[in-house]
Structures are given as C-alpha cells and as structure tokens.
C-alpha atoms as a PDB file:
ATOM      1  CA  MET A   1     135.754  32.981 -44.995  1.00  0.00           C
ATOM      2  CA  VAL A   2     133.994  33.041 -48.380  1.00  0.00           C
ATOM      3  CA  LEU A   3     132.178  36.222 -47.374  1.00  0.00           C
ATOM      4  CA  ASN A   4     135.460  37.863 -46.373  1.00  0.00           C
ATOM      5  CA  ARG A   5     137.008  36.996 -49.731  1.00  0.00           C
ATOM      6  CA  PHE A   6     133.951  38.343 -51.544  1.00  0.00           C
ATOM      7  CA  CYS A   7     134.118  41.631 -49.622  1.00  0.00           C
ATOM      8  CA  PHE A   8     137.855  41.916 -50.285  1.00  0.00           C
ATOM      9  CA  CYS A   9     137.336  41.388 -54.038  1.00  0.00           C
ATOM     10  CA  LEU A  10     134.496  43.896 -54.051  1.00  0.00           C
ATOM     11  CA  GLN A  11     136.737  46.475 -52.348  1.00  0.00           C
ATOM     12  CA  ILE A  12     139.417  45.976 -55.011  1.00  0.00           C
ATOM     13  CA  ILE A  13     136.906  46.349 -57.856  1.00  0.00           C
ATOM     14  CA  LEU A  14     135.273  49.430 -56.353  1.00  0.00           C
ATOM     15  CA  GLY A  15     138.648  50.975 -55.547  1.00  0.00           C
ATOM     16  CA  ALA A  16     139.851  50.501 -59.105  1.00  0.00           C
ATOM     17  CA  TRP A  17     136.611  51.920 -60.500  1.00  0.00           C
ATOM     18  CA  LEU A  18     136.725  54.962 -58.236  1.00  0.00           C
ATOM     19  CA  ALA A  19     140.377  55.560 -59.108  1.00  0.00           C
ATOM     20  CA  THR A  20     139.622  55.493 -62.831  1.00  0.00           C
ATOM     21  CA  PRO A  21     139.220  58.984 -64.364  1.00  0.00           C
ATOM     22  CA  ILE A  22     135.657  59.708 -65.403  1.00  0.00           C
ATOM     23  CA  SER A  23     136.607  60.079 -69.069  1.00  0.00           C
ATOM     24  CA  GLN A  24     138.332  56.672 -69.020  1.00  0.00           C
ATOM     25  CA  ALA A  25     135.438  55.058 -67.184  1.00  0.00           C
ATOM     26  CA  LEU A  26     133.027  56.445 -69.750  1.00  0.00           C
ATOM     27  CA  ALA A  27     135.234  55.285 -72.601  1.00  0.00           C
ATOM     28  CA  GLN A  28     134.770  51.710 -71.371  1.00  0.00           C
ATOM     29  CA  ARG A  29     131.037  51.989 -72.028  1.00  0.00           C
ATOM     30  CA  PRO A  30     130.170  50.955 -75.592  1.00  0.00           C
ATOM     31  CA  ASP A  31     127.974  54.017 -76.101  1.00  0.00           C
ATOM     32  CA  ALA A  32     130.216  56.481 -74.275  1.00  0.00           C
ATOM     33  CA  LEU A  33     131.693  58.330 -77.225  1.00  0.00           C
ATOM     34  CA  ILE A  34     128.395  58.627 -79.057  1.00  0.00           C
ATOM     35  CA  LEU A  35     126.783  60.576 -76.260  1.00  0.00           C
ATOM     36  CA  ASP A  36     126.715  64.262 -77.101  1.00  0.00           C
ATOM     37  CA  GLN A  37     127.198  66.638 -74.205  1.00  0.00           C
ATOM     38  CA  PRO A  38     125.290  69.796 -75.060  1.00  0.00           C
ATOM     39  CA  GLY A  39     126.324  72.634 -72.780  1.00  0.00           C
ATOM     40  CA  HIS A  40     129.799  71.299 -71.999  1.00  0.00           C
ATOM     41  CA  VAL A  41     132.432  73.998 -72.605  1.00  0.00           C
ATOM     42  CA  PRO A  42     135.970  72.624 -73.084  1.00  0.00           C
ATOM     43  CA  ASP A  43     139.011  74.432 -71.711  1.00  0.00           C
ATOM     44  CA  ALA A  44     142.180  75.271 -73.639  1.00  0.00           C
ATOM     45  CA  ALA A  45     143.965  72.130 -72.430  1.00  0.00           C
ATOM     46  CA  ASP A  46     141.223  69.961 -73.948  1.00  0.00           C
ATOM     47  CA  GLU A  47     141.885  71.551 -77.363  1.00  0.00           C
ATOM     48  CA  GLN A  48     145.509  70.317 -77.397  1.00  0.00           C
ATOM     49  CA  LEU A  49     145.596  67.339 -79.727  1.00  0.00           C
ATOM     50  CA  ALA A  50     148.193  64.582 -79.908  1.00  0.00           C
ATOM     51  CA  PRO A  51     150.960  65.524 -82.385  1.00  0.00           C
ATOM     52  CA  GLN A  52     149.733  63.199 -85.134  1.00  0.00           C
ATOM     53  CA  LEU A  53     146.239  64.755 -85.000  1.00  0.00           C
ATOM     54  CA  GLN A  54     147.398  68.364 -85.115  1.00  0.00           C
ATOM     55  CA  ARG A  55     146.872  70.432 -88.257  1.00  0.00           C
ATOM     56  CA  GLN A  56     149.911  70.188 -90.525  1.00  0.00           C
ATOM     57  CA  VAL A  57     151.046  70.310 -94.146  1.00  0.00           C
ATOM     58  CA  VAL A  58     151.941  66.859 -95.466  1.00  0.00           C
ATOM     59  CA  PHE A  59     152.953  65.248 -98.726  1.00  0.00           C
ATOM     60  CA  TYR A  60     149.827  63.947-100.414  1.00  0.00           C
ATOM     61  CA  ARG A  61     149.461  62.267-103.785  1.00  0.00           C
ATOM     62  CA  THR A  62     146.178  62.746-105.648  1.00  0.00           C
ATOM     63  CA  THR A  63     144.837  63.670-109.059  1.00  0.00           C
ATOM     64  CA  GLU A  64     142.247  65.985-107.485  1.00  0.00           C
ATOM     65  CA  PRO A  65     142.766  69.733-107.972  1.00  0.00           C
ATOM     66  CA  PRO A  66     143.921  72.054-105.170  1.00  0.00           C
ATOM     67  CA  GLY A  67     141.121  73.083-102.854  1.00  0.00           C
ATOM     68  CA  THR A  68     139.400  69.689-102.887  1.00  0.00           C
ATOM     69  CA  ILE A  69     138.525  68.182 -99.506  1.00  0.00           C
ATOM     70  CA  ILE A  70     139.274  64.480 -99.156  1.00  0.00           C
ATOM     71  CA  VAL A  71     138.180  62.638 -96.024  1.00  0.00           C
ATOM     72  CA  HIS A  72     139.690  59.268 -95.116  1.00  0.00           C
ATOM     73  CA  THR A  73     137.450  57.811 -92.433  1.00  0.00           C
ATOM     74  CA  ALA A  74     139.722  54.825 -91.726  1.00  0.00           C
ATOM     75  CA  GLU A  75     142.667  57.154 -91.059  1.00  0.00           C
ATOM     76  CA  LYS A  76     140.537  59.749 -89.237  1.00  0.00           C
ATOM     77  CA  PHE A  77     142.067  62.551 -91.300  1.00  0.00           C
ATOM     78  CA  LEU A  78     140.634  65.275 -93.501  1.00  0.00           C
ATOM     79  CA  TYR A  79     142.870  66.669 -96.270  1.00  0.00           C
ATOM     80  CA  VAL A  80     142.622  69.914 -98.214  1.00  0.00           C
ATOM     81  CA  VAL A  81     144.588  69.416-101.415  1.00  0.00           C
ATOM     82  CA  GLN A  82     147.346  71.973-102.022  1.00  0.00           C
ATOM     83  CA  PRO A  83     149.578  72.534-105.078  1.00  0.00           C
ATOM     84  CA  ASN A  84     152.749  70.540-105.713  1.00  0.00           C
ATOM     85  CA  GLY A  85     151.774  67.274-104.064  1.00  0.00           C
ATOM     86  CA  HIS A  86     150.884  68.628-100.637  1.00  0.00           C
ATOM     87  CA  ALA A  87     147.772  68.883 -98.473  1.00  0.00           C
ATOM     88  CA  VAL A  88     146.729  70.444 -95.204  1.00  0.00           C
ATOM     89  CA  ARG A  89     145.824  67.555 -92.919  1.00  0.00           C
ATOM     90  CA  TYR A  90     143.440  67.775 -89.966  1.00  0.00           C
ATOM     91  CA  GLY A  91     142.712  65.143 -87.332  1.00  0.00           C
ATOM     92  CA  ILE A  92     138.987  64.437 -87.166  1.00  0.00           C
ATOM     93  CA  GLY A  93     136.333  62.403 -85.400  1.00  0.00           C
ATOM     94  CA  VAL A  94     134.335  60.190 -87.768  1.00  0.00           C
ATOM     95  CA  GLY A  95     131.159  58.124 -87.767  1.00  0.00           C
ATOM     96  CA  ARG A  96     131.026  55.186 -85.439  1.00  0.00           C
ATOM     97  CA  ASP A  97     130.602  51.672 -86.817  1.00  0.00           C
ATOM     98  CA  GLY A  98     127.388  51.429 -88.801  1.00  0.00           C
ATOM     99  CA  PHE A  99     127.310  55.198 -89.452  1.00  0.00           C
ATOM    100  CA  GLN A 100     130.236  55.570 -91.833  1.00  0.00           C
ATOM    101  CA  TRP A 101     129.680  56.322 -95.496  1.00  0.00           C
ATOM    102  CA  GLN A 102     131.543  57.299 -98.636  1.00  0.00           C
ATOM    103  CA  GLY A 103     130.712  59.391-101.670  1.00  0.00           C
ATOM    104  CA  LEU A 104     131.074  62.698-103.452  1.00  0.00           C
ATOM    105  CA  LEU A 105     129.303  65.842-102.296  1.00  0.00           C
ATOM    106  CA  ARG A 106     129.834  69.606-102.286  1.00  0.00           C
ATOM    107  CA  ILE A 107     129.778  72.227 -99.565  1.00  0.00           C
ATOM    108  CA  THR A 108     126.356  73.831 -99.958  1.00  0.00           C
ATOM    109  CA  ARG A 109     126.348  76.164 -96.967  1.00  0.00           C
ATOM    110  CA  LYS A 110     128.625  77.561 -94.270  1.00  0.00           C
ATOM    111  CA  GLN A 111     127.646  78.828 -90.839  1.00  0.00           C
ATOM    112  CA  GLU A 112     129.497  80.493 -87.974  1.00  0.00           C
ATOM    113  CA  TRP A 113     128.479  79.304 -84.487  1.00  0.00           C
ATOM    114  CA  PRO A 114     125.578  77.291 -85.921  1.00  0.00           C
ATOM    115  CA  ASP A 115     122.457  76.344 -84.028  1.00  0.00           C
ATOM    116  CA  TRP A 116     122.073  72.611 -83.464  1.00  0.00           C
ATOM    117  CA  THR A 117     118.852  70.804 -84.300  1.00  0.00           C
ATOM    118  CA  PRO A 118     119.378  67.061 -83.829  1.00  0.00           C
ATOM    119  CA  PRO A 119     117.687  65.082 -86.633  1.00  0.00           C
ATOM    120  CA  ALA A 120     114.742  62.834 -85.803  1.00  0.00           C
ATOM    121  CA  GLU A 121     116.873  59.694 -86.141  1.00  0.00           C
ATOM    122  CA  MET A 122     119.301  60.972 -83.509  1.00  0.00           C
ATOM    123  CA  LEU A 123     116.480  61.943 -81.157  1.00  0.00           C
ATOM    124  CA  GLU A 124     115.104  58.420 -81.424  1.00  0.00           C
ATOM    125  CA  ARG A 125     118.430  57.041 -80.250  1.00  0.00           C
ATOM    126  CA  GLN A 126     119.112  59.782 -77.690  1.00  0.00           C
ATOM    127  CA  PRO A 127     115.737  61.200 -76.600  1.00  0.00           C
ATOM    128  CA  TYR A 128     117.317  63.239 -73.805  1.00  0.00           C
ATOM    129  CA  LEU A 129     118.915  65.648 -76.323  1.00  0.00           C
ATOM    130  CA  PRO A 130     117.483  69.168 -76.734  1.00  0.00           C
ATOM    131  CA  ARG A 131     115.261  69.740 -79.780  1.00  0.00           C
ATOM    132  CA  ILE A 132     117.241  72.872 -80.651  1.00  0.00           C
ATOM    133  CA  MET A 133     120.264  74.562 -79.148  1.00  0.00           C
ATOM    134  CA  ALA A 134     121.565  78.018 -79.962  1.00  0.00           C
ATOM    135  CA  GLY A 135     125.113  78.353 -81.259  1.00  0.00           C
ATOM    136  CA  GLY A 136     127.880  78.960 -78.739  1.00  0.00           C
ATOM    137  CA  PRO A 137     130.869  77.370 -76.984  1.00  0.00           C
ATOM    138  CA  GLY A 138     128.735  74.619 -75.457  1.00  0.00           C
ATOM    139  CA  ASN A 139     127.052  73.676 -78.737  1.00  0.00           C
ATOM    140  CA  PRO A 140     128.039  70.212 -80.100  1.00  0.00           C
ATOM    141  CA  LEU A 141     128.548  71.729 -83.591  1.00  0.00           C
ATOM    142  CA  GLY A 142     131.248  74.014 -82.249  1.00  0.00           C
ATOM    143  CA  ALA A 143     132.475  77.211 -83.862  1.00  0.00           C
ATOM    144  CA  ARG A 144     131.728  76.486 -87.535  1.00  0.00           C
ATOM    145  CA  ALA A 145     129.756  74.114 -89.743  1.00  0.00           C
ATOM    146  CA  LEU A 146     130.122  73.275 -93.428  1.00  0.00           C
ATOM    147  CA  TYR A 147     127.042  71.511 -94.781  1.00  0.00           C
ATOM    148  CA  LEU A 148     127.435  68.579 -97.165  1.00  0.00           C
ATOM    149  CA  GLY A 149     125.004  68.596-100.090  1.00  0.00           C
ATOM    150  CA  GLU A 150     121.375  68.147 -99.089  1.00  0.00           C
ATOM    151  CA  THR A 151     122.248  65.537 -96.478  1.00  0.00           C
ATOM    152  CA  VAL A 152     122.128  65.805 -92.684  1.00  0.00           C
ATOM    153  CA  TYR A 153     125.924  65.466 -92.636  1.00  0.00           C
ATOM    154  CA  ARG A 154     128.318  68.300 -91.801  1.00  0.00           C
ATOM    155  CA  ILE A 155     131.947  69.032 -91.222  1.00  0.00           C
ATOM    156  CA  HIS A 156     131.854  70.922 -87.936  1.00  0.00           C
ATOM    157  CA  GLY A 157     133.596  71.876 -84.739  1.00  0.00           C
ATOM    158  CA  THR A 158     132.974  70.256 -81.395  1.00  0.00           C
ATOM    159  CA  ASN A 159     132.625  70.934 -77.707  1.00  0.00           C
ATOM    160  CA  GLN A 160     134.223  67.522 -77.058  1.00  0.00           C
ATOM    161  CA  PRO A 161     137.768  67.862 -78.449  1.00  0.00           C
ATOM    162  CA  ARG A 162     138.887  64.616 -76.827  1.00  0.00           C
ATOM    163  CA  THR A 163     136.759  62.721 -79.344  1.00  0.00           C
ATOM    164  CA  ILE A 164     139.042  63.751 -82.226  1.00  0.00           C
ATOM    165  CA  GLY A 165     140.725  60.643 -83.621  1.00  0.00           C
ATOM    166  CA  THR A 166     137.825  58.391 -82.640  1.00  0.00           C
ATOM    167  CA  LYS A 167     134.774  56.828 -84.268  1.00  0.00           C
ATOM    168  CA  VAL A 168     132.138  58.825 -82.467  1.00  0.00           C
ATOM    169  CA  SER A 169     129.513  60.562 -84.595  1.00  0.00           C
ATOM    170  CA  SER A 170     126.339  59.697 -86.447  1.00  0.00           C
ATOM    171  CA  GLY A 171     128.109  60.311 -89.767  1.00  0.00           C
ATOM    172  CA  CYS A 172     129.389  63.886 -89.461  1.00  0.00           C
ATOM    173  CA  PHE A 173     133.069  64.820 -89.330  1.00  0.00           C
ATOM    174  CA  ARG A 174     134.217  66.872 -86.352  1.00  0.00           C
ATOM    175  CA  LEU A 175     137.348  68.966 -85.788  1.00  0.00           C
ATOM    176  CA  VAL A 176     138.572  70.994 -82.841  1.00  0.00           C
ATOM    177  CA  ASN A 177     137.294  74.551 -83.064  1.00  0.00           C
ATOM    178  CA  GLY A 178     140.634  76.099 -84.039  1.00  0.00           C
ATOM    179  CA  ASP A 179     140.916  73.682 -86.951  1.00  0.00           C
ATOM    180  CA  VAL A 180     137.348  74.064 -88.163  1.00  0.00           C
ATOM    181  CA  ILE A 181     137.766  77.862 -88.168  1.00  0.00           C
ATOM    182  CA  ASP A 182     140.933  77.451 -90.252  1.00  0.00           C
ATOM    183  CA  LEU A 183     139.097  75.113 -92.640  1.00  0.00           C
ATOM    184  CA  TYR A 184     136.073  77.415 -92.831  1.00  0.00           C
ATOM    185  CA  ASP A 185     138.301  80.319 -93.884  1.00  0.00           C
ATOM    186  CA  ARG A 186     139.984  78.256 -96.612  1.00  0.00           C
ATOM    187  CA  ILE A 187     136.933  76.638 -98.169  1.00  0.00           C
ATOM    188  CA  PRO A 188     134.261  78.371-100.285  1.00  0.00           C
ATOM    189  CA  VAL A 189     130.727  77.133-100.872  1.00  0.00           C
ATOM    190  CA  GLY A 190     130.766  74.747-103.817  1.00  0.00           C
ATOM    191  CA  THR A 191     133.964  72.963-102.777  1.00  0.00           C
ATOM    192  CA  LYS A 192     134.074  69.289-103.766  1.00  0.00           C
ATOM    193  CA  VAL A 193     134.214  66.851-100.857  1.00  0.00           C
ATOM    194  CA  ILE A 194     135.271  63.245-101.416  1.00  0.00           C
ATOM    195  CA  VAL A 195     134.676  60.813 -98.569  1.00  0.00           C
ATOM    196  CA  ARG A 196     136.645  57.580 -98.728  1.00  0.00           C
ATOM    197  CA  GLN A 197     136.856  54.686 -96.320  1.00  0.00           C
ATOM    198  CA  THR A 198     140.249  53.637 -97.688  1.00  0.00           C
ATOM    199  CA  PRO A 199     143.220  55.766 -98.799  1.00  0.00           C
ATOM    200  CA  GLU A 200     143.742  56.593-102.467  1.00  0.00           C
ATOM    201  CA  LEU A 201     146.317  54.313-104.126  1.00  0.00           C
END
C-alpha cells in the first residue's frame, strides 16, 4: 500500500516535471539564468519583448544633458536622455545579486559583432565556457558592444533575449540585438554612463 502511494506520487512529480517547458524548468534552478549559452541562435519570436520592456520614448526627469546614458539596475531599464524632459528607454538584463554595481564611466570603445573572451573570473565559475568565440548570431555579446571605461563591463546584445528584464549577468548590461544596434547608432565614444541602483529623485 505504502509502495503504491509512493509510486503514484512519483508519477505525479515526474509527469509535472516532464510537462514543464525546458525554459521554465531551467528558470527554477538558482543558476539557470547565469548560464551563458554560446552558440545558441535565437529566432525572431524570441526577440519579441513584453510591452513594458520594448524600446520607447518616455517622460524622464534629470539634470543630465541629452545623450547621457543612465542605467537603473533595480528597474532593469537603460535610458538615453533626450531634450525636453524625455528619454529613450530600453529594457535590459542586469547583474545578478552580488554582481551589481553603480558608478560613473564613459564609453571607451564600440564594436560590431564583437568577439567574446570570457574574463578569468567568469571561467573560474563556468569552466565549460569557450576561451574565445568569434562574433556572430550565436555569440553571447550579440550584435554590438559598448565598452565601459577600462572595466570588464559592457553594454551589449545577447543571444538569449528571454533574459531581458532579469538579473542574469556578471555585471554587464544586455539588450536584445535590435535595441543594442539602435543604441550603438545613437551613442558616440566618450558618452557618459551613469549606473544607479535606485531611481533619481
């Protein structure tokens, strides 16, 4: 009797697990969203963000001049300040807990379809990653990268668009490829980037 109940419960658990989409099953793992997937090429449907994460012009109050990039990690939005109290807002993926930061930097370099060389710290945590990967649709840096100061941090595209709006990275900020191309075309080298963990009052 006890054995029958055990088998019945096991069937229910296994059935539920097998019925769960892979992406949802992975999301239940604490490390799921931090795992990069080099080589994965998203399809067009993956690039469709929820309405609140889609690129849009919004009202935005700041004393910073037009052209400034302001990142709010808590909100998971990146803003490019525009004239007359507006900004272009992009949904982003941000650093996971323990990897978030704030400060003031400048864009020091821009690269189309950048190669990816995971830093030593990342390789220690994820030794299965390639030591270098050529730029392309399956590259975790996506279509464009904007390098922040002399740090290892970047604003870049992604081959995992479903991670936008989550705390996922090792400190970089990721956008879907269409958005990072738009940002890349707007922003010159030397642009000021302000990273905040709370919104400006």
